[in-house]
Amino acid sequence: MQTGEQLYDEHWTRLTLAASMQQPDRTPVYLHAGPFAVRQAGGKMADLVTHIEYGQELALQGLLALGDIDGADIVEYPVIAGVPFLGHTKLPGRELPEDMQWQIDERGEMTEDDYDTIINKGWNYFFADFCQRHLGNALAELQYFSQVKDAAEKKFKAAGIVQLSSIFAGPAFGAICGGRSISKFMRDLHRIPDKVAAALEAAMEDRIANFQQQIHAADKQFSVILAVGRGAGDFLTRKAFDRFVWPHIKKMVEVMAAEGVFIHLHMDMSWDRFLDYFLELPKGKCIFAPDGSTNMTKVKEVLAGHMCVMGDVPAALLTLGTPEEVYRYSRSLVDDFAPTGFIMGAGCCVPLNARPENVKAMIAAAAGK
């Protein structure tokens, strides 16, 4: 019988080999499935609002009941879910029914003048000031969750589960898009492009320093998550992508790679038109994790052999499919991408209403059972 430490080391090695484009003993499994796991352990989404420590315990119990999982992310704290996007959150047990998924509430409270604040005073000043003006007790809640997160990570590690990405980074594009709202931000890109570009560039210094500080303070960090959903082809032309998004992704990835961690590219939306750009990133240092919108045949054609691919079992299949359908689809991913450079997982995350037998079928497919 393996100890938690031995199991953790086994899972760490398996994930490391896959992420670095080497061959592990089997396909590793990663689950971003906190809300789903809480429900499977008998909890409700409101438990994550009223008692986050208890909610984390439920999430761990729910994950362990699913089978042999190599890596996972601890469940987020719904109270602050909207803060990275300069938004509010509608919470279960408050604005929503107690077992309903929380919802980020974008109100578009960032103004044009705030661009000048970022340019002249930096991202950290702007962010703290914005939170105080618009997001209530957000800064204190962020500090509280950082302490809860540290304790939860130790418990996950003791259970043998690798915390894949506990540090959230990325360009300011997504945050500003949320703060301005999609409609206003997309107009800004055409109406005041120079100001937007200057603000995005000015924000980089603080945002890079922020995640570097977290990396240096962390104990054996596996990867940093870099999310840029609204920078994808569903929203932008190639010209806009070249100016407002790609230079910042590339710069941040290069800095992260130099820090010795893998980069978990959490890429919501369709990236079909931009896949070739990712060949510019360091080989064997990134994990490309789409959300079910990007064409996996194109991902294989372009990125196989250059960077690890994670996923991409669609949420709809995990919710509405049969275990046999999930298993067949999951095995097709293994056949296409393994034995090197592949981590099994859901597209983006395991949905709250996924069928447990479907999630277990996905895990079994990774092991070839």
Protein backbone atom coordinates (compact mmCIF):
# COMPACT_ATOMS: atom_id res chain seq x y z
CA MET A 1 0.00 0.00 0.00
CA GLN A 2 1.52 3.32 -1.09
CA THR A 3 1.73 6.22 1.29
CA GLY A 4 0.31 9.59 0.28
CA GLU A 5 3.84 10.87 -0.27
CA GLN A 6 4.75 7.96 -2.52
CA LEU A 7 1.55 8.35 -4.51
CA TYR A 8 2.17 12.07 -4.86
CA ASP A 9 5.68 11.47 -6.20
CA GLU A 10 4.33 8.90 -8.68
CA HIS A 11 1.69 11.32 -9.92
CA TRP A 12 4.16 14.21 -10.08
CA THR A 13 6.54 12.12 -12.21
CA ARG A 14 3.76 10.98 -14.54
CA LEU A 15 2.50 14.52 -15.08
CA THR A 16 6.02 15.90 -15.53
CA LEU A 17 6.89 13.34 -18.19
CA ALA A 18 3.70 14.04 -20.11
CA ALA A 19 4.08 17.82 -19.87
CA SER A 20 7.70 17.69 -21.06
CA MET A 21 6.81 15.53 -24.08
CA GLN A 22 8.29 12.33 -22.66
CA GLN A 23 6.54 8.98 -22.17
CA PRO A 24 4.98 8.20 -18.77
CA ASP A 25 3.96 4.71 -17.68
CA ARG A 26 0.36 5.58 -18.55
CA THR A 27 -1.71 8.59 -19.54
CA PRO A 28 -2.09 10.89 -16.52
CA VAL A 29 -5.47 12.26 -15.46
CA TYR A 30 -6.18 15.84 -14.39
CA LEU A 31 -9.56 17.06 -13.16
CA HIS A 32 -10.75 20.62 -12.79
CA ALA A 33 -13.87 19.42 -11.04
CA GLY A 34 -14.31 21.17 -7.70
CA PRO A 35 -18.06 21.91 -7.84
CA PHE A 36 -18.81 18.48 -9.30
CA ALA A 37 -16.72 16.80 -6.59
CA VAL A 38 -18.44 18.77 -3.83
CA ARG A 39 -21.84 17.62 -5.04
CA GLN A 40 -20.64 14.00 -5.33
CA ALA A 41 -19.55 14.12 -1.70
CA GLY A 42 -23.02 15.21 -0.62
CA GLY A 43 -22.40 18.95 -0.40
CA LYS A 44 -24.05 21.95 -1.98
CA MET A 45 -22.55 24.91 -3.78
CA ALA A 46 -23.55 27.16 -0.89
CA ASP A 47 -21.08 25.20 1.29
CA LEU A 48 -18.29 26.88 -0.68
CA VAL A 49 -19.67 30.30 0.20
CA THR A 50 -20.53 29.87 3.87
CA HIS A 51 -17.74 27.47 4.88
CA ILE A 52 -14.98 27.23 2.28
CA GLU A 53 -12.77 24.96 4.44
CA TYR A 54 -15.59 22.43 4.70
CA GLY A 55 -16.21 22.79 0.97
CA GLN A 56 -12.58 21.99 0.23
CA GLU A 57 -12.83 18.85 2.36
CA LEU A 58 -15.90 17.77 0.41
CA ALA A 59 -14.13 18.41 -2.89
CA LEU A 60 -11.21 16.22 -1.86
CA GLN A 61 -13.54 13.41 -0.76
CA GLY A 62 -15.45 13.62 -4.03
CA LEU A 63 -12.29 13.50 -6.13
CA LEU A 64 -10.82 10.52 -4.28
CA ALA A 65 -14.06 8.57 -4.79
CA LEU A 66 -13.68 8.81 -8.57
CA GLY A 67 -10.53 6.68 -8.90
CA ASP A 68 -6.82 7.20 -9.46
CA ILE A 69 -6.41 10.89 -10.33
CA ASP A 70 -2.94 12.34 -10.82
CA GLY A 71 -3.71 16.02 -10.61
CA ALA A 72 -6.50 18.41 -9.77
CA ASP A 73 -7.15 22.02 -8.89
CA ILE A 74 -8.61 22.83 -5.51
CA VAL A 75 -12.07 24.30 -5.85
CA GLU A 76 -12.17 28.07 -6.10
CA TYR A 77 -13.83 30.39 -3.60
CA PRO A 78 -17.06 31.59 -5.29
CA VAL A 79 -17.12 34.85 -3.33
CA ILE A 80 -14.08 36.08 -5.31
CA ALA A 81 -14.72 34.28 -8.62
CA GLY A 82 -15.44 37.54 -10.44
CA VAL A 83 -12.61 39.58 -8.94
CA PRO A 84 -9.87 38.58 -11.46
CA PHE A 85 -12.23 39.83 -14.16
CA LEU A 86 -13.12 43.03 -12.31
CA GLY A 87 -16.63 41.70 -11.81
CA HIS A 88 -19.11 40.77 -9.12
CA THR A 89 -20.43 37.27 -8.45
CA LYS A 90 -23.96 35.98 -7.98
CA LEU A 91 -23.65 33.39 -5.24
CA PRO A 92 -25.46 30.17 -4.36
CA GLY A 93 -27.47 30.58 -1.19
CA ARG A 94 -27.63 34.33 -1.70
CA GLU A 95 -28.71 35.62 -5.10
CA LEU A 96 -29.04 32.06 -6.45
CA PRO A 97 -30.49 28.73 -5.21
CA GLU A 98 -28.17 27.05 -2.71
CA ASP A 99 -27.01 24.26 -5.05
CA MET A 100 -26.64 26.30 -8.24
CA GLN A 101 -23.34 27.15 -9.93
CA TRP A 102 -22.18 30.68 -9.13
CA GLN A 103 -22.19 33.25 -11.93
CA ILE A 104 -19.80 36.09 -12.67
CA ASP A 105 -21.75 39.32 -12.95
CA GLU A 106 -20.07 41.75 -15.35
CA ARG A 107 -21.35 45.26 -14.81
CA GLY A 108 -18.85 47.18 -16.93
CA GLU A 109 -17.81 49.48 -14.09
CA MET A 110 -14.34 50.25 -15.46
CA THR A 111 -14.20 53.65 -17.19
CA GLU A 112 -12.05 55.13 -19.92
CA ASP A 113 -10.23 57.14 -17.27
CA ASP A 114 -9.14 53.88 -15.68
CA TYR A 115 -6.96 53.18 -18.73
CA ASP A 116 -5.00 56.31 -17.83
CA THR A 117 -4.68 55.12 -14.23
CA ILE A 118 -3.13 51.84 -15.40
CA ILE A 119 -0.78 53.67 -17.77
CA ASN A 120 0.35 56.21 -15.19
CA LYS A 121 0.24 54.25 -11.91
CA GLY A 122 0.45 50.59 -12.88
CA TRP A 123 -1.84 47.60 -12.63
CA ASN A 124 -1.52 46.97 -8.89
CA TYR A 125 -2.55 50.48 -7.96
CA PHE A 126 -5.47 50.39 -10.35
CA PHE A 127 -6.62 46.94 -9.19
CA ALA A 128 -6.59 47.81 -5.49
CA ASP A 129 -8.35 51.11 -6.14
CA PHE A 130 -10.97 49.47 -8.39
CA CYS A 131 -11.71 46.79 -5.79
CA GLN A 132 -12.17 49.37 -3.06
CA ARG A 133 -14.45 51.51 -5.23
CA HIS A 134 -16.57 48.76 -6.76
CA LEU A 135 -16.05 45.28 -5.30
CA GLY A 136 -16.69 45.73 -1.60
CA ASN A 137 -14.58 43.47 0.61
CA ALA A 138 -12.78 41.80 -2.31
CA LEU A 139 -9.20 42.47 -1.16
CA ALA A 140 -9.81 41.00 2.29
CA GLU A 141 -11.58 38.00 0.76
CA LEU A 142 -8.62 37.40 -1.57
CA GLN A 143 -6.26 37.42 1.40
CA TYR A 144 -8.51 35.05 3.33
CA PHE A 145 -8.69 32.58 0.47
CA SER A 146 -4.92 32.56 0.04
CA GLN A 147 -4.68 31.13 3.56
CA VAL A 148 -7.46 28.60 2.95
CA LYS A 149 -5.82 27.58 -0.33
CA ASP A 150 -2.48 26.88 1.34
CA ALA A 151 -4.11 24.58 3.88
CA ALA A 152 -6.16 22.80 1.20
CA GLU A 153 -3.10 22.22 -0.98
CA LYS A 154 -1.36 20.43 1.90
CA LYS A 155 -4.35 18.11 2.33
CA PHE A 156 -4.51 17.39 -1.40
CA LYS A 157 -0.79 16.62 -1.39
CA ALA A 158 -1.13 14.30 1.61
CA ALA A 159 -3.79 12.42 -0.40
CA GLY A 160 -1.39 12.06 -3.34
CA ILE A 161 -3.04 14.57 -5.66
CA VAL A 162 -0.79 17.08 -7.46
CA GLN A 163 -2.08 20.63 -7.43
CA LEU A 164 -1.52 21.43 -11.08
CA SER A 165 -2.01 25.21 -11.09
CA SER A 166 -2.50 27.24 -7.95
CA ILE A 167 -1.12 30.47 -9.43
CA PHE A 168 -3.35 32.37 -11.83
CA ALA A 169 -1.59 34.63 -14.31
CA GLY A 170 -2.17 36.06 -17.74
CA PRO A 171 -2.25 39.31 -19.65
CA ALA A 172 -4.62 42.04 -18.53
CA PHE A 173 -6.71 41.61 -21.69
CA GLY A 174 -9.29 39.33 -20.08
CA ALA A 175 -9.54 41.36 -16.89
CA ILE A 176 -10.04 44.64 -18.72
CA CYS A 177 -12.55 43.00 -21.05
CA GLY A 178 -14.52 41.96 -17.99
CA GLY A 179 -14.14 45.32 -16.28
CA ARG A 180 -15.28 47.29 -19.31
CA SER A 181 -17.76 44.58 -20.47
CA ILE A 182 -17.40 42.77 -23.77
CA SER A 183 -19.37 45.28 -25.83
CA LYS A 184 -17.58 48.39 -24.55
CA PHE A 185 -14.14 46.77 -24.66
CA MET A 186 -14.54 45.59 -28.24
CA ARG A 187 -15.53 49.14 -29.21
CA ASP A 188 -12.48 50.45 -27.35
CA LEU A 189 -10.21 48.28 -29.48
CA HIS A 190 -11.40 50.21 -32.55
CA ARG A 191 -12.13 53.62 -31.07
CA ILE A 192 -9.10 54.15 -28.77
CA PRO A 193 -6.69 51.36 -29.77
CA ASP A 194 -3.53 53.23 -28.79
CA LYS A 195 -4.78 53.83 -25.25
CA VAL A 196 -5.84 50.21 -24.85
CA ALA A 197 -2.48 48.99 -26.14
CA ALA A 198 -0.62 51.31 -23.78
CA ALA A 199 -2.66 50.11 -20.79
CA LEU A 200 -2.11 46.45 -21.65
CA GLU A 201 1.62 47.05 -21.96
CA ALA A 202 1.79 49.04 -18.72
CA ALA A 203 -0.07 46.31 -16.84
CA MET A 204 2.51 43.70 -17.82
CA GLU A 205 5.21 44.83 -15.40
CA ASP A 206 3.09 44.40 -12.28
CA ARG A 207 1.35 41.26 -13.47
CA ILE A 208 4.64 39.53 -14.27
CA ALA A 209 6.11 40.61 -10.92
CA ASN A 210 2.99 39.32 -9.15
CA PHE A 211 3.20 35.78 -10.47
CA GLN A 212 6.97 35.67 -10.06
CA GLN A 213 6.53 36.55 -6.40
CA GLN A 214 3.99 33.74 -6.00
CA ILE A 215 6.27 31.24 -7.75
CA HIS A 216 9.19 32.12 -5.49
CA ALA A 217 7.02 31.78 -2.38
CA ALA A 218 5.42 28.48 -3.43
CA ASP A 219 6.67 25.06 -2.43
CA LYS A 220 7.48 23.00 -5.53
CA GLN A 221 5.02 24.62 -7.91
CA PHE A 222 4.10 22.44 -10.92
CA SER A 223 2.62 25.02 -13.27
CA VAL A 224 1.12 28.47 -13.58
CA ILE A 225 -2.24 28.86 -15.28
CA LEU A 226 -2.42 31.39 -18.08
CA ALA A 227 -5.97 32.04 -19.29
CA VAL A 228 -6.89 34.21 -22.27
CA GLY A 229 -10.35 33.08 -23.33
CA ARG A 230 -11.57 36.31 -24.87
CA GLY A 231 -8.40 36.74 -26.88
CA ALA A 232 -9.44 33.84 -29.11
CA GLY A 233 -10.75 33.80 -32.66
CA ASP A 234 -14.37 33.99 -31.56
CA PHE A 235 -13.72 37.62 -30.64
CA LEU A 236 -10.75 39.00 -32.55
CA THR A 237 -9.35 39.45 -36.02
CA ARG A 238 -5.79 38.28 -36.63
CA LYS A 239 -4.67 41.90 -36.80
CA ALA A 240 -6.15 42.65 -33.38
CA PHE A 241 -4.73 39.40 -31.97
CA ASP A 242 -1.27 40.36 -33.23
CA ARG A 243 -1.43 43.71 -31.48
CA PHE A 244 -3.40 43.20 -28.29
CA VAL A 245 -2.97 39.57 -27.27
CA TRP A 246 -0.15 37.48 -28.69
CA PRO A 247 2.87 39.63 -27.66
CA HIS A 248 1.71 39.47 -24.03
CA ILE A 249 1.05 35.71 -24.07
CA LYS A 250 4.47 35.08 -25.56
CA LYS A 251 6.28 37.34 -23.12
CA MET A 252 4.55 35.89 -20.07
CA VAL A 253 5.18 32.31 -21.18
CA GLU A 254 8.86 33.01 -21.71
CA VAL A 255 9.16 34.52 -18.23
CA MET A 256 7.29 31.60 -16.65
CA ALA A 257 9.42 29.04 -18.47
CA ALA A 258 12.56 30.79 -17.23
CA GLU A 259 11.19 30.37 -13.69
CA GLY A 260 11.23 26.59 -14.17
CA VAL A 261 7.50 25.87 -14.13
CA PHE A 262 5.18 24.50 -16.78
CA ILE A 263 2.63 26.86 -18.28
CA HIS A 264 -0.97 25.65 -18.19
CA LEU A 265 -2.57 27.40 -21.17
CA HIS A 266 -6.26 27.39 -20.26
CA MET A 267 -7.68 28.30 -23.66
CA ASP A 268 -11.43 28.75 -23.68
CA MET A 269 -13.19 29.50 -26.99
CA SER A 270 -11.98 28.41 -30.45
CA TRP A 271 -8.26 28.80 -31.16
CA ASP A 272 -8.36 27.16 -34.61
CA ARG A 273 -7.12 30.27 -36.46
CA PHE A 274 -4.26 30.94 -34.06
CA LEU A 275 -2.80 27.47 -33.34
CA ASP A 276 0.31 28.11 -35.43
CA TYR A 277 1.34 30.94 -33.09
CA PHE A 278 1.88 28.46 -30.26
CA LEU A 279 4.80 26.92 -32.13
CA GLU A 280 6.72 30.06 -31.14
CA LEU A 281 6.55 29.04 -27.48
CA PRO A 282 9.26 26.88 -25.84
CA LYS A 283 8.94 23.20 -26.72
CA GLY A 284 7.99 20.87 -23.89
CA LYS A 285 7.17 23.70 -21.48
CA CYS A 286 3.46 24.31 -22.08
CA ILE A 287 0.20 22.41 -21.62
CA PHE A 288 -2.44 23.41 -24.15
CA ALA A 289 -5.86 22.91 -22.55
CA PRO A 290 -8.85 23.75 -24.80
CA ASP A 291 -12.48 23.75 -23.70
CA GLY A 292 -14.25 21.71 -26.36
CA SER A 293 -14.46 24.56 -28.89
CA THR A 294 -11.10 24.12 -30.62
CA ASN A 295 -10.86 21.48 -33.35
CA MET A 296 -8.78 18.66 -31.88
CA THR A 297 -7.80 17.35 -35.32
CA LYS A 298 -6.19 20.72 -36.00
CA VAL A 299 -4.59 20.71 -32.56
CA LYS A 300 -2.99 17.37 -33.37
CA GLU A 301 -1.81 18.53 -36.81
CA VAL A 302 -0.20 21.70 -35.48
CA LEU A 303 0.88 21.11 -31.88
CA ALA A 304 1.50 17.37 -31.49
CA GLY A 305 5.19 16.87 -30.78
CA HIS A 306 5.68 20.49 -29.67
CA MET A 307 3.59 20.87 -26.53
CA CYS A 308 1.49 18.70 -24.26
CA VAL A 309 -2.26 18.69 -24.89
CA MET A 310 -4.74 18.31 -22.03
CA GLY A 311 -8.40 17.38 -22.26
CA ASP A 312 -10.56 17.58 -24.22
CA VAL A 313 -13.63 15.56 -23.28
CA PRO A 314 -16.55 17.97 -23.90
CA ALA A 315 -18.83 19.04 -21.08
CA ALA A 316 -21.90 18.04 -23.11
CA LEU A 317 -20.59 14.50 -23.52
CA LEU A 318 -19.90 14.14 -19.80
CA THR A 319 -23.38 15.41 -19.03
CA LEU A 320 -25.55 13.88 -21.75
CA GLY A 321 -23.52 10.97 -23.12
CA THR A 322 -23.31 7.37 -22.01
CA PRO A 323 -20.28 5.80 -20.31
CA GLU A 324 -19.62 3.84 -23.50
CA GLU A 325 -19.61 7.04 -25.60
CA VAL A 326 -17.35 8.83 -23.14
CA TYR A 327 -14.95 5.90 -23.04
CA ARG A 328 -14.74 5.66 -26.84
CA TYR A 329 -14.13 9.38 -27.23
CA SER A 330 -11.55 9.42 -24.45
CA ARG A 331 -9.70 6.43 -25.93
CA SER A 332 -9.64 8.20 -29.29
CA LEU A 333 -7.80 11.08 -27.61
CA VAL A 334 -5.27 8.67 -26.14
CA ASP A 335 -4.78 7.07 -29.54
CA ASP A 336 -4.31 10.47 -31.21
CA PHE A 337 -2.02 12.17 -28.69
CA ALA A 338 -0.42 9.59 -26.37
CA PRO A 339 1.95 8.05 -25.38
CA THR A 340 3.88 11.35 -25.20
CA GLY A 341 2.48 14.80 -24.55
CA PHE A 342 -1.05 14.07 -23.39
CA ILE A 343 -3.01 14.50 -20.14
CA MET A 344 -6.58 13.24 -19.93
CA GLY A 345 -9.19 15.69 -18.70
CA ALA A 346 -12.44 17.47 -19.40
CA GLY A 347 -12.70 20.39 -21.77
CA CYS A 348 -12.25 23.38 -19.40
CA CYS A 349 -13.82 21.63 -16.39
CA VAL A 350 -16.08 18.79 -15.35
CA PRO A 351 -19.56 20.36 -15.33
CA LEU A 352 -21.55 20.43 -12.13
CA ASN A 353 -24.22 18.13 -13.58
CA ALA A 354 -21.91 15.57 -15.20
CA ARG A 355 -22.86 11.93 -14.71
CA PRO A 356 -20.44 10.29 -12.24
CA GLU A 357 -20.29 7.11 -14.35
CA ASN A 358 -19.18 9.21 -17.32
CA VAL A 359 -16.35 10.83 -15.38
CA LYS A 360 -15.22 7.39 -14.21
CA ALA A 361 -15.33 6.17 -17.82
CA MET A 362 -13.00 9.01 -18.82
CA ILE A 363 -10.58 8.10 -16.04
CA ALA A 364 -10.72 4.41 -16.99
CA ALA A 365 -9.93 5.24 -20.62
CA ALA A 366 -6.70 6.93 -19.56
CA ALA A 367 -5.59 3.77 -17.79
CA GLY A 368 -6.70 1.59 -20.71
CA LYS A 369 -9.07 -0.42 -18.54
